[in-house]
Amino acid sequence: MSEHETLCVSNAYLKKFYLNEHFQQLPQHVKEELKIMCVLFTEDVGGILEIYFDEDGFLQYKTSCRENDFYYDEIGSVLKIKQYQNEKRDILEAVETYYRILFLGEGL
C-alpha cells in the first residue's frame, strides 16, 4: 500500500475533527470550509471521513464505520462525496495545487 498524506479527518463516534498540522498555513477560510464540510458529512452519513492526498497530489476520500453500525449510510457517503466534489470544486482544486507546489515541488 502506498503512503499518503492525510489532510483532515472527521469522526462521528468521537465527535472530533482533525486537521493535519502540516496544513496549518492554509488560509483560515479554507480550514473552516474543510471543517464544515467534513463535520457535516459525518453528521449526515455517520462513520469516519478521511481526506488525503495520493502520491500524485490529488485528494482522495476514505470512509469507514464501526462494525455493526446500522446508522452508517454507505450509499449516502458516496453521494455526499460527489456532491462536495461538485459544490466545493474551486476550494478543493486550490488545496490540491497548494499541496503539489509546496509538498511535491511541482512548478518550481
Protein backbone atom coordinates (compact mmCIF):
# COMPACT_ATOMS: atom_id res chain seq x y z
CA MET A 1 0.00 0.00 0.00
CA SER A 2 1.40 3.39 -0.95
CA GLU A 3 1.94 6.16 1.53
CA HIS A 4 -0.37 9.13 1.57
CA GLU A 5 -0.60 12.45 3.38
CA THR A 6 -3.77 12.95 5.42
CA LEU A 7 -5.32 16.40 5.08
CA CYS A 8 -8.13 16.02 7.60
CA VAL A 9 -10.37 13.53 9.37
CA SER A 10 -13.82 13.79 10.90
CA ASN A 11 -15.08 11.13 13.29
CA ALA A 12 -18.80 10.89 14.12
CA TYR A 13 -18.15 8.49 17.01
CA LEU A 14 -15.72 10.75 18.85
CA LYS A 15 -17.35 13.98 17.61
CA LYS A 16 -13.90 15.23 16.59
CA PHE A 17 -12.28 16.92 13.62
CA TYR A 18 -8.56 16.75 12.92
CA LEU A 19 -6.60 18.94 10.52
CA ASN A 20 -3.06 17.72 9.86
CA GLU A 21 -0.57 20.14 11.43
CA HIS A 22 1.33 20.31 8.11
CA PHE A 23 -1.59 22.30 6.72
CA GLN A 24 -1.93 24.95 9.41
CA GLN A 25 -0.63 27.54 6.92
CA LEU A 26 -3.73 27.19 4.75
CA PRO A 27 -5.88 30.33 4.79
CA GLN A 28 -8.34 30.38 7.70
CA HIS A 29 -11.40 30.35 5.44
CA VAL A 30 -10.10 27.19 3.71
CA LYS A 31 -9.53 25.44 7.04
CA GLU A 32 -13.02 26.44 8.19
CA GLU A 33 -14.57 25.22 4.94
CA LEU A 34 -12.82 21.85 5.27
CA LYS A 35 -14.02 21.52 8.85
CA ILE A 36 -17.62 22.39 7.98
CA MET A 37 -17.60 20.02 5.02
CA CYS A 38 -16.17 17.08 6.99
CA VAL A 39 -18.26 17.53 10.12
CA LEU A 40 -21.47 17.89 8.12
CA PHE A 41 -20.51 14.76 6.20
CA THR A 42 -20.14 12.66 9.34
CA GLU A 43 -23.27 14.16 10.87
CA ASP A 44 -25.27 13.27 7.75
CA VAL A 45 -23.97 9.78 6.97
CA GLY A 46 -22.09 8.79 10.14
CA GLY A 47 -18.81 6.98 10.41
CA ILE A 48 -15.38 8.42 9.73
CA LEU A 49 -14.25 10.51 6.77
CA GLU A 50 -10.57 10.88 5.90
CA ILE A 51 -9.47 13.22 3.13
CA TYR A 52 -5.93 12.59 1.98
CA PHE A 53 -3.53 13.25 -0.88
CA ASP A 54 -2.46 10.39 -3.09
CA GLU A 55 1.12 10.14 -4.38
CA ASP A 56 0.25 12.40 -7.33
CA GLY A 57 -1.18 15.15 -5.12
CA PHE A 58 -4.87 14.55 -5.78
CA LEU A 59 -7.43 14.46 -2.99
CA GLN A 60 -8.93 11.09 -2.16
CA TYR A 61 -11.78 10.31 0.21
CA LYS A 62 -11.94 7.31 2.50
CA THR A 63 -14.99 6.49 4.59
CA SER A 64 -15.35 3.81 7.20
CA CYS A 65 -17.59 2.83 10.07
CA ARG A 66 -17.61 0.64 13.11
CA GLU A 67 -18.70 -2.93 12.72
CA ASN A 68 -22.48 -3.29 13.02
CA ASP A 69 -23.09 0.45 12.71
CA PHE A 70 -26.53 0.27 11.15
CA TYR A 71 -26.87 4.06 11.11
CA TYR A 72 -23.96 4.49 8.69
CA ASP A 73 -25.24 5.32 5.20
CA GLU A 74 -22.75 3.83 2.73
CA ILE A 75 -24.69 4.87 -0.37
CA GLY A 76 -25.23 8.33 1.11
CA SER A 77 -21.49 8.65 1.71
CA VAL A 78 -20.71 8.15 -1.99
CA LEU A 79 -23.40 10.63 -3.00
CA LYS A 80 -22.26 13.20 -0.43
CA ILE A 81 -18.64 12.99 -1.62
CA LYS A 82 -19.74 13.55 -5.23
CA GLN A 83 -21.86 16.50 -4.07
CA TYR A 84 -18.89 18.07 -2.29
CA GLN A 85 -16.60 17.45 -5.26
CA ASN A 86 -19.03 19.44 -7.42
CA GLU A 87 -20.03 22.18 -4.95
CA LYS A 88 -16.57 22.74 -3.49
CA ARG A 89 -14.59 22.17 -6.68
CA ASP A 90 -12.74 25.53 -6.55
CA ILE A 91 -11.54 25.20 -2.97
CA LEU A 92 -10.62 21.51 -3.33
CA GLU A 93 -8.63 22.18 -6.52
CA ALA A 94 -6.86 25.07 -4.78
CA VAL A 95 -5.86 22.77 -1.91
CA GLU A 96 -4.53 20.21 -4.40
CA THR A 97 -2.49 22.91 -6.15
CA TYR A 98 -1.16 24.13 -2.77
CA TYR A 99 -0.07 20.59 -1.91
CA ARG A 100 1.53 19.86 -5.28
CA ILE A 101 3.54 23.08 -5.23
CA LEU A 102 4.63 23.16 -1.58
CA PHE A 103 4.93 19.45 -0.82
CA LEU A 104 5.69 17.82 -4.17
CA GLY A 105 7.69 20.73 -5.61
CA GLU A 106 5.76 20.88 -8.87
CA GLY A 107 6.07 24.04 -10.93
CA LEU A 108 9.31 25.11 -9.26
